[in-house]
Amino acid sequence: MCRLDRVFANESWDLAFEQHGLQALSTSHSDHCPLLLSSMSGPRAPRPFHFENFWTKLPGFTEEVQTVWKQPTTHTQLVRILYHKMAATAKHLRSWSQSIISENKLKLLMALEVIQRLDIAQESWDLSSAEFRLRQGLKHRVLGYAVIER
C-alpha cells in the first residue's frame, strides 16, 4: 500500500485560485482516490442573450431572422416549437452580430442609440445635468469611435 493521492501547489498558485476547492471522489472502482479541483462558486452560468435595438437597423437583419425562423424543428408542442425557434434565433443573432460588427463598431452603434434616445427625450423635457453630461460625453466618444472605424 502506498499513497498516490497527492496534489502539489505552491503559494502563488493557491492565491491565484483561492475560489477553488479540492475534494476526494469515490474510491469504489479502485484503491486510487481521484481528486476533483473545482470552483467553489459553482459552474459558470451561460451568458444571457441581450437583444440590441440597433440590430434592426443593420442591413440583412430581417433576412437573418427569417432564415432561422423558417428552419424545421422536431418538436410538436407549440410551446416547445416557440422555445426552440427563439433559442435558435438568439444563438444565430449573437454569432451574426459578432461576425459583422467589430467591438469598436458595436460601441459606436450603442453610443449613437443612447444619443438618439436622449435627443428624443430632450424634445419632451429638459435633460437633467447628468443626462446632459452623458449626452455630451457620448458625442465625444462617437467622434473617437468613428475615426477608429474609418
N, C-alpha and C. Protein backbone atom coordinates (compact mmCIF):
# COMPACT_ATOMS: atom_id res chain seq x y z
N MET A 1 0.86 -1.18 0.00
CA MET A 1 0.00 0.00 0.00
C MET A 1 0.90 1.24 0.00
N CYS A 2 0.67 2.08 -0.95
CA CYS A 2 1.39 3.35 -0.97
C CYS A 2 0.38 4.45 -1.24
N ARG A 3 0.73 5.63 -0.89
CA ARG A 3 -0.19 6.76 -1.01
C ARG A 3 0.10 7.51 -2.31
N LEU A 4 -0.85 7.46 -3.27
CA LEU A 4 -0.70 8.12 -4.56
C LEU A 4 -1.54 9.39 -4.67
N ASP A 5 -2.46 9.55 -3.79
CA ASP A 5 -3.43 10.64 -3.90
C ASP A 5 -2.84 11.92 -3.31
N ARG A 6 -2.15 12.67 -4.13
CA ARG A 6 -1.50 13.89 -3.68
C ARG A 6 -1.75 15.01 -4.68
N VAL A 7 -1.66 16.22 -4.20
CA VAL A 7 -1.75 17.40 -5.05
C VAL A 7 -0.59 18.30 -4.68
N PHE A 8 0.05 18.84 -5.69
CA PHE A 8 1.16 19.76 -5.46
C PHE A 8 0.74 21.15 -5.90
N ALA A 9 0.99 22.12 -5.05
CA ALA A 9 0.67 23.51 -5.38
C ALA A 9 1.60 24.40 -4.57
N ASN A 10 1.91 25.55 -5.15
CA ASN A 10 2.72 26.50 -4.38
C ASN A 10 1.82 27.65 -3.92
N GLU A 11 2.38 28.54 -3.15
CA GLU A 11 1.59 29.62 -2.55
C GLU A 11 1.00 30.56 -3.60
N SER A 12 1.77 30.88 -4.64
CA SER A 12 1.24 31.80 -5.67
C SER A 12 0.07 31.17 -6.42
N TRP A 13 0.13 29.85 -6.69
CA TRP A 13 -0.97 29.18 -7.35
C TRP A 13 -2.20 29.19 -6.45
N ASP A 14 -1.99 28.90 -5.17
CA ASP A 14 -3.09 28.86 -4.22
C ASP A 14 -3.76 30.23 -4.11
N LEU A 15 -2.97 31.31 -4.13
CA LEU A 15 -3.54 32.66 -4.06
C LEU A 15 -4.25 33.03 -5.36
N ALA A 16 -3.72 32.57 -6.49
CA ALA A 16 -4.34 32.87 -7.78
C ALA A 16 -5.69 32.18 -7.94
N PHE A 17 -5.85 31.02 -7.31
CA PHE A 17 -7.07 30.24 -7.45
C PHE A 17 -7.72 30.01 -6.09
N GLU A 18 -7.86 31.08 -5.34
CA GLU A 18 -8.37 30.94 -3.98
C GLU A 18 -9.86 30.59 -3.92
N GLN A 19 -10.59 30.77 -5.00
CA GLN A 19 -12.02 30.43 -5.03
C GLN A 19 -12.26 28.99 -5.50
N HIS A 20 -11.24 28.16 -5.40
CA HIS A 20 -11.36 26.77 -5.83
C HIS A 20 -11.13 25.84 -4.64
N GLY A 21 -11.69 24.65 -4.75
CA GLY A 21 -11.55 23.67 -3.68
C GLY A 21 -11.14 22.32 -4.24
N LEU A 22 -10.54 21.52 -3.40
CA LEU A 22 -10.09 20.19 -3.78
C LEU A 22 -10.84 19.18 -2.92
N GLN A 23 -11.42 18.16 -3.55
CA GLN A 23 -12.13 17.15 -2.78
C GLN A 23 -11.83 15.76 -3.34
N ALA A 24 -11.86 14.77 -2.48
CA ALA A 24 -11.65 13.39 -2.87
C ALA A 24 -12.98 12.80 -3.36
N LEU A 25 -12.92 12.08 -4.48
CA LEU A 25 -14.11 11.44 -5.03
C LEU A 25 -14.18 9.98 -4.56
N SER A 26 -15.21 9.30 -4.96
CA SER A 26 -15.45 7.91 -4.55
C SER A 26 -14.31 6.99 -5.00
N THR A 27 -14.00 6.02 -4.17
CA THR A 27 -12.96 5.05 -4.50
C THR A 27 -13.57 3.68 -4.78
N SER A 28 -14.77 3.64 -5.28
CA SER A 28 -15.49 2.38 -5.44
C SER A 28 -14.88 1.44 -6.47
N HIS A 29 -14.21 1.94 -7.50
CA HIS A 29 -13.70 1.09 -8.56
C HIS A 29 -12.24 0.69 -8.39
N SER A 30 -11.52 1.35 -7.55
CA SER A 30 -10.10 1.01 -7.36
C SER A 30 -9.66 1.48 -5.99
N ASP A 31 -8.40 1.21 -5.70
CA ASP A 31 -7.87 1.70 -4.43
C ASP A 31 -7.32 3.11 -4.58
N HIS A 32 -7.41 3.66 -5.80
CA HIS A 32 -6.97 5.03 -6.05
C HIS A 32 -8.12 5.99 -5.75
N CYS A 33 -7.81 7.09 -5.17
CA CYS A 33 -8.83 8.09 -4.83
C CYS A 33 -8.68 9.29 -5.75
N PRO A 34 -9.54 9.42 -6.77
CA PRO A 34 -9.42 10.58 -7.67
C PRO A 34 -9.72 11.87 -6.91
N LEU A 35 -9.03 12.91 -7.31
CA LEU A 35 -9.21 14.22 -6.69
C LEU A 35 -9.86 15.16 -7.70
N LEU A 36 -10.80 15.96 -7.24
CA LEU A 36 -11.51 16.89 -8.10
C LEU A 36 -11.21 18.31 -7.65
N LEU A 37 -10.67 19.09 -8.56
CA LEU A 37 -10.42 20.50 -8.32
C LEU A 37 -11.56 21.27 -8.98
N SER A 38 -12.31 22.03 -8.22
CA SER A 38 -13.48 22.72 -8.78
C SER A 38 -13.63 24.10 -8.18
N SER A 39 -14.46 24.88 -8.84
CA SER A 39 -14.75 26.24 -8.40
C SER A 39 -15.72 26.18 -7.21
N MET A 40 -15.43 26.93 -6.18
CA MET A 40 -16.31 26.97 -5.01
C MET A 40 -17.60 27.73 -5.31
N SER A 41 -17.56 28.59 -6.32
CA SER A 41 -18.74 29.38 -6.66
C SER A 41 -19.70 28.60 -7.54
N GLY A 42 -19.35 27.40 -7.95
CA GLY A 42 -20.23 26.60 -8.79
C GLY A 42 -19.92 26.80 -10.25
N PRO A 43 -20.63 26.09 -11.11
CA PRO A 43 -20.37 26.22 -12.55
C PRO A 43 -20.78 27.59 -13.05
N ARG A 44 -20.08 28.04 -14.08
CA ARG A 44 -20.42 29.33 -14.66
C ARG A 44 -21.75 29.25 -15.39
N ALA A 45 -22.56 30.24 -15.16
CA ALA A 45 -23.86 30.29 -15.83
C ALA A 45 -23.65 30.74 -17.28
N PRO A 46 -24.47 30.25 -18.18
CA PRO A 46 -24.33 30.71 -19.57
C PRO A 46 -24.62 32.20 -19.68
N ARG A 47 -23.94 32.83 -20.61
CA ARG A 47 -24.12 34.25 -20.82
C ARG A 47 -25.54 34.52 -21.33
N PRO A 48 -26.29 35.41 -20.69
CA PRO A 48 -27.67 35.67 -21.14
C PRO A 48 -27.67 36.39 -22.49
N PHE A 49 -28.72 36.19 -23.24
CA PHE A 49 -28.88 36.83 -24.54
C PHE A 49 -29.40 38.24 -24.34
N HIS A 50 -28.77 39.19 -25.01
CA HIS A 50 -29.23 40.59 -24.97
C HIS A 50 -29.53 41.04 -26.39
N PHE A 51 -30.78 41.36 -26.65
CA PHE A 51 -31.16 41.88 -27.96
C PHE A 51 -30.79 43.35 -28.02
N GLU A 52 -30.09 43.74 -29.07
CA GLU A 52 -29.69 45.14 -29.24
C GLU A 52 -30.66 45.79 -30.23
N ASN A 53 -31.25 46.91 -29.82
CA ASN A 53 -32.24 47.58 -30.66
C ASN A 53 -31.69 48.01 -32.01
N PHE A 54 -30.41 48.38 -32.09
CA PHE A 54 -29.87 48.87 -33.34
C PHE A 54 -29.70 47.75 -34.37
N TRP A 55 -29.78 46.47 -33.94
CA TRP A 55 -29.66 45.38 -34.89
C TRP A 55 -30.72 45.48 -35.98
N THR A 56 -31.91 45.95 -35.62
CA THR A 56 -32.99 46.03 -36.60
C THR A 56 -32.67 47.03 -37.70
N LYS A 57 -31.74 47.94 -37.46
CA LYS A 57 -31.36 48.94 -38.46
C LYS A 57 -30.23 48.46 -39.36
N LEU A 58 -29.60 47.34 -39.02
CA LEU A 58 -28.49 46.84 -39.82
C LEU A 58 -29.01 46.11 -41.04
N PRO A 59 -28.29 46.24 -42.16
CA PRO A 59 -28.73 45.54 -43.37
C PRO A 59 -28.65 44.03 -43.18
N GLY A 60 -29.68 43.32 -43.61
CA GLY A 60 -29.70 41.88 -43.54
C GLY A 60 -30.30 41.30 -42.27
N PHE A 61 -30.68 42.16 -41.32
CA PHE A 61 -31.22 41.66 -40.05
C PHE A 61 -32.50 40.83 -40.28
N THR A 62 -33.44 41.38 -41.00
CA THR A 62 -34.72 40.71 -41.22
C THR A 62 -34.52 39.37 -41.92
N GLU A 63 -33.64 39.34 -42.91
CA GLU A 63 -33.38 38.11 -43.64
C GLU A 63 -32.75 37.05 -42.73
N GLU A 64 -31.86 37.46 -41.85
CA GLU A 64 -31.23 36.52 -40.93
C GLU A 64 -32.27 35.89 -39.99
N VAL A 65 -33.15 36.72 -39.45
CA VAL A 65 -34.19 36.21 -38.55
C VAL A 65 -35.13 35.27 -39.30
N GLN A 66 -35.54 35.66 -40.50
CA GLN A 66 -36.45 34.82 -41.28
C GLN A 66 -35.82 33.47 -41.62
N THR A 67 -34.54 33.48 -41.97
CA THR A 67 -33.84 32.24 -42.31
C THR A 67 -33.87 31.27 -41.15
N VAL A 68 -33.54 31.75 -39.95
CA VAL A 68 -33.51 30.88 -38.78
C VAL A 68 -34.91 30.46 -38.39
N TRP A 69 -35.86 31.37 -38.46
CA TRP A 69 -37.23 31.09 -38.03
C TRP A 69 -37.89 30.04 -38.90
N LYS A 70 -37.52 29.99 -40.19
CA LYS A 70 -38.14 29.05 -41.12
C LYS A 70 -37.54 27.64 -41.03
N GLN A 71 -36.46 27.47 -40.28
CA GLN A 71 -35.85 26.15 -40.17
C GLN A 71 -36.80 25.19 -39.46
N PRO A 72 -36.87 23.95 -39.94
CA PRO A 72 -37.79 22.98 -39.33
C PRO A 72 -37.34 22.58 -37.93
N THR A 73 -38.28 22.12 -37.15
CA THR A 73 -37.99 21.65 -35.79
C THR A 73 -38.63 20.29 -35.60
N THR A 74 -38.05 19.49 -34.71
CA THR A 74 -38.59 18.15 -34.46
C THR A 74 -39.69 18.17 -33.40
N HIS A 75 -39.89 19.31 -32.77
CA HIS A 75 -40.89 19.40 -31.70
C HIS A 75 -42.30 19.48 -32.29
N THR A 76 -43.27 19.02 -31.50
CA THR A 76 -44.66 19.05 -31.95
C THR A 76 -45.53 19.96 -31.09
N GLN A 77 -45.14 20.16 -29.84
CA GLN A 77 -45.92 21.05 -28.97
C GLN A 77 -45.59 22.51 -29.32
N LEU A 78 -46.62 23.33 -29.38
CA LEU A 78 -46.43 24.72 -29.79
C LEU A 78 -45.46 25.47 -28.89
N VAL A 79 -45.53 25.24 -27.59
CA VAL A 79 -44.64 25.93 -26.67
C VAL A 79 -43.19 25.53 -26.93
N ARG A 80 -42.95 24.25 -27.16
CA ARG A 80 -41.59 23.78 -27.44
C ARG A 80 -41.09 24.29 -28.80
N ILE A 81 -41.97 24.36 -29.77
CA ILE A 81 -41.59 24.90 -31.08
C ILE A 81 -41.16 26.36 -30.92
N LEU A 82 -41.97 27.13 -30.20
CA LEU A 82 -41.65 28.53 -29.97
C LEU A 82 -40.32 28.68 -29.23
N TYR A 83 -40.14 27.89 -28.16
CA TYR A 83 -38.89 27.96 -27.40
C TYR A 83 -37.69 27.63 -28.29
N HIS A 84 -37.81 26.56 -29.07
CA HIS A 84 -36.72 26.15 -29.96
C HIS A 84 -36.39 27.25 -30.97
N LYS A 85 -37.41 27.83 -31.58
CA LYS A 85 -37.17 28.88 -32.56
C LYS A 85 -36.56 30.13 -31.93
N MET A 86 -37.02 30.49 -30.75
CA MET A 86 -36.46 31.66 -30.05
C MET A 86 -35.00 31.41 -29.68
N ALA A 87 -34.71 30.23 -29.15
CA ALA A 87 -33.33 29.90 -28.76
C ALA A 87 -32.41 29.87 -29.97
N ALA A 88 -32.87 29.27 -31.06
CA ALA A 88 -32.06 29.20 -32.28
C ALA A 88 -31.82 30.59 -32.85
N THR A 89 -32.85 31.43 -32.81
CA THR A 89 -32.72 32.79 -33.32
C THR A 89 -31.74 33.59 -32.47
N ALA A 90 -31.83 33.47 -31.16
CA ALA A 90 -30.90 34.18 -30.27
C ALA A 90 -29.47 33.74 -30.52
N LYS A 91 -29.25 32.44 -30.63
CA LYS A 91 -27.90 31.92 -30.88
C LYS A 91 -27.36 32.43 -32.21
N HIS A 92 -28.20 32.40 -33.23
CA HIS A 92 -27.78 32.85 -34.56
C HIS A 92 -27.50 34.36 -34.57
N LEU A 93 -28.37 35.15 -33.93
CA LEU A 93 -28.16 36.60 -33.91
C LEU A 93 -26.88 36.97 -33.18
N ARG A 94 -26.57 36.26 -32.11
CA ARG A 94 -25.33 36.53 -31.37
C ARG A 94 -24.12 36.32 -32.28
N SER A 95 -24.08 35.18 -32.98
CA SER A 95 -22.93 34.92 -33.85
C SER A 95 -22.95 35.83 -35.08
N TRP A 96 -24.13 36.13 -35.62
CA TRP A 96 -24.25 37.04 -36.76
C TRP A 96 -23.71 38.42 -36.42
N SER A 97 -24.10 38.94 -35.26
CA SER A 97 -23.66 40.29 -34.90
C SER A 97 -22.14 40.32 -34.67
N GLN A 98 -21.58 39.26 -34.10
CA GLN A 98 -20.14 39.22 -33.89
C GLN A 98 -19.39 39.12 -35.21
N SER A 99 -19.99 38.50 -36.20
CA SER A 99 -19.30 38.34 -37.48
C SER A 99 -19.29 39.62 -38.30
N ILE A 100 -20.26 40.50 -38.10
CA ILE A 100 -20.31 41.72 -38.93
C ILE A 100 -19.94 42.99 -38.18
N ILE A 101 -19.88 42.91 -36.86
CA ILE A 101 -19.64 44.12 -36.09
C ILE A 101 -18.39 43.95 -35.24
N SER A 102 -17.44 44.85 -35.43
CA SER A 102 -16.27 44.85 -34.55
C SER A 102 -16.69 45.40 -33.19
N GLU A 103 -15.86 45.17 -32.18
CA GLU A 103 -16.19 45.68 -30.84
C GLU A 103 -16.29 47.20 -30.86
N ASN A 104 -15.41 47.84 -31.63
CA ASN A 104 -15.44 49.29 -31.74
C ASN A 104 -16.73 49.77 -32.39
N LYS A 105 -17.13 49.08 -33.46
CA LYS A 105 -18.36 49.48 -34.15
C LYS A 105 -19.57 49.26 -33.25
N LEU A 106 -19.54 48.19 -32.46
CA LEU A 106 -20.61 47.93 -31.51
C LEU A 106 -20.75 49.09 -30.53
N LYS A 107 -19.62 49.54 -29.99
CA LYS A 107 -19.64 50.68 -29.06
C LYS A 107 -20.17 51.94 -29.76
N LEU A 108 -19.75 52.15 -31.01
CA LEU A 108 -20.21 53.30 -31.77
C LEU A 108 -21.73 53.26 -31.95
N LEU A 109 -22.26 52.12 -32.37
CA LEU A 109 -23.70 51.99 -32.59
C LEU A 109 -24.49 52.14 -31.29
N MET A 110 -23.97 51.60 -30.21
CA MET A 110 -24.67 51.72 -28.92
C MET A 110 -24.67 53.17 -28.46
N ALA A 111 -23.55 53.86 -28.62
CA ALA A 111 -23.49 55.27 -28.23
C ALA A 111 -24.46 56.10 -29.06
N LEU A 112 -24.52 55.82 -30.36
CA LEU A 112 -25.47 56.55 -31.22
C LEU A 112 -26.91 56.29 -30.81
N GLU A 113 -27.20 55.07 -30.41
CA GLU A 113 -28.57 54.73 -29.96
C GLU A 113 -28.94 55.51 -28.70
N VAL A 114 -28.02 55.60 -27.74
CA VAL A 114 -28.30 56.34 -26.50
C VAL A 114 -28.45 57.82 -26.79
N ILE A 115 -27.59 58.35 -27.66
CA ILE A 115 -27.70 59.78 -28.03
C ILE A 115 -29.04 60.05 -28.67
N GLN A 116 -29.47 59.16 -29.56
CA GLN A 116 -30.77 59.33 -30.22
C GLN A 116 -31.91 59.34 -29.20
N ARG A 117 -31.85 58.44 -28.24
CA ARG A 117 -32.90 58.40 -27.21
C ARG A 117 -32.90 59.66 -26.35
N LEU A 118 -31.70 60.16 -26.05
CA LEU A 118 -31.63 61.40 -25.26
C LEU A 118 -32.13 62.58 -26.09
N ASP A 119 -31.85 62.60 -27.38
CA ASP A 119 -32.36 63.67 -28.25
C ASP A 119 -33.89 63.65 -28.30
N ILE A 120 -34.44 62.46 -28.39
CA ILE A 120 -35.91 62.33 -28.40
C ILE A 120 -36.49 62.79 -27.06
N ALA A 121 -35.84 62.39 -25.97
CA ALA A 121 -36.31 62.80 -24.64
C ALA A 121 -36.22 64.30 -24.48
N GLN A 122 -35.19 64.91 -25.06
CA GLN A 122 -34.99 66.35 -24.93
C GLN A 122 -36.12 67.15 -25.59
N GLU A 123 -36.80 66.54 -26.56
CA GLU A 123 -37.93 67.20 -27.20
C GLU A 123 -39.12 67.32 -26.24
N SER A 124 -39.20 66.42 -25.27
CA SER A 124 -40.34 66.40 -24.35
C SER A 124 -40.06 67.11 -23.03
N TRP A 125 -38.82 67.09 -22.57
CA TRP A 125 -38.47 67.73 -21.30
C TRP A 125 -37.01 68.13 -21.32
N ASP A 126 -36.64 68.98 -20.37
CA ASP A 126 -35.24 69.37 -20.22
C ASP A 126 -34.46 68.23 -19.61
N LEU A 127 -33.32 67.93 -20.19
CA LEU A 127 -32.48 66.87 -19.65
C LEU A 127 -31.88 67.30 -18.32
N SER A 128 -31.72 66.35 -17.42
CA SER A 128 -31.04 66.65 -16.16
C SER A 128 -29.57 66.90 -16.46
N SER A 129 -28.86 67.43 -15.49
CA SER A 129 -27.44 67.71 -15.72
C SER A 129 -26.67 66.42 -15.98
N ALA A 130 -27.04 65.33 -15.31
CA ALA A 130 -26.37 64.05 -15.54
C ALA A 130 -26.65 63.54 -16.95
N GLU A 131 -27.90 63.66 -17.41
CA GLU A 131 -28.25 63.23 -18.76
C GLU A 131 -27.53 64.08 -19.81
N PHE A 132 -27.47 65.38 -19.55
CA PHE A 132 -26.79 66.27 -20.48
C PHE A 132 -25.30 65.94 -20.58
N ARG A 133 -24.66 65.70 -19.41
CA ARG A 133 -23.23 65.33 -19.41
C ARG A 133 -23.01 63.99 -20.12
N LEU A 134 -23.93 63.05 -19.91
CA LEU A 134 -23.83 61.76 -20.58
C LEU A 134 -23.90 61.95 -22.09
N ARG A 135 -24.84 62.75 -22.55
CA ARG A 135 -25.01 63.01 -23.98
C ARG A 135 -23.77 63.65 -24.56
N GLN A 136 -23.22 64.63 -23.87
CA GLN A 136 -22.01 65.32 -24.36
C GLN A 136 -20.82 64.34 -24.39
N GLY A 137 -20.67 63.55 -23.34
CA GLY A 137 -19.58 62.58 -23.30
C GLY A 137 -19.68 61.55 -24.41
N LEU A 138 -20.91 61.09 -24.67
CA LEU A 138 -21.11 60.12 -25.74
C LEU A 138 -20.81 60.71 -27.10
N LYS A 139 -21.16 61.99 -27.28
CA LYS A 139 -20.86 62.64 -28.56
C LYS A 139 -19.36 62.70 -28.80
N HIS A 140 -18.58 62.97 -27.75
CA HIS A 140 -17.12 62.98 -27.88
C HIS A 140 -16.60 61.58 -28.20
N ARG A 141 -17.17 60.58 -27.55
CA ARG A 141 -16.73 59.21 -27.81
C ARG A 141 -17.09 58.77 -29.23
N VAL A 142 -18.25 59.19 -29.71
CA VAL A 142 -18.66 58.83 -31.06
C VAL A 142 -17.64 59.33 -32.07
N LEU A 143 -17.13 60.53 -31.87
CA LEU A 143 -16.11 61.06 -32.79
C LEU A 143 -14.88 60.15 -32.79
N GLY A 144 -14.46 59.74 -31.60
CA GLY A 144 -13.30 58.85 -31.50
C GLY A 144 -13.56 57.50 -32.13
N TYR A 145 -14.73 56.93 -31.86
CA TYR A 145 -15.06 55.63 -32.43
C TYR A 145 -15.14 55.71 -33.96
N ALA A 146 -15.71 56.81 -34.46
CA ALA A 146 -15.83 56.97 -35.91
C ALA A 146 -14.46 57.06 -36.57
N VAL A 147 -13.53 57.75 -35.95
CA VAL A 147 -12.17 57.85 -36.50
C VAL A 147 -11.52 56.47 -36.53
N ILE A 148 -11.66 55.71 -35.46
CA ILE A 148 -11.07 54.37 -35.40
C ILE A 148 -11.71 53.46 -36.43
N GLU A 149 -13.02 53.57 -36.62
CA GLU A 149 -13.75 52.71 -37.53
C GLU A 149 -13.33 52.97 -38.99
N ARG A 150 -13.02 54.24 -39.30
CA ARG A 150 -12.58 54.55 -40.67
C ARG A 150 -11.22 53.94 -40.90
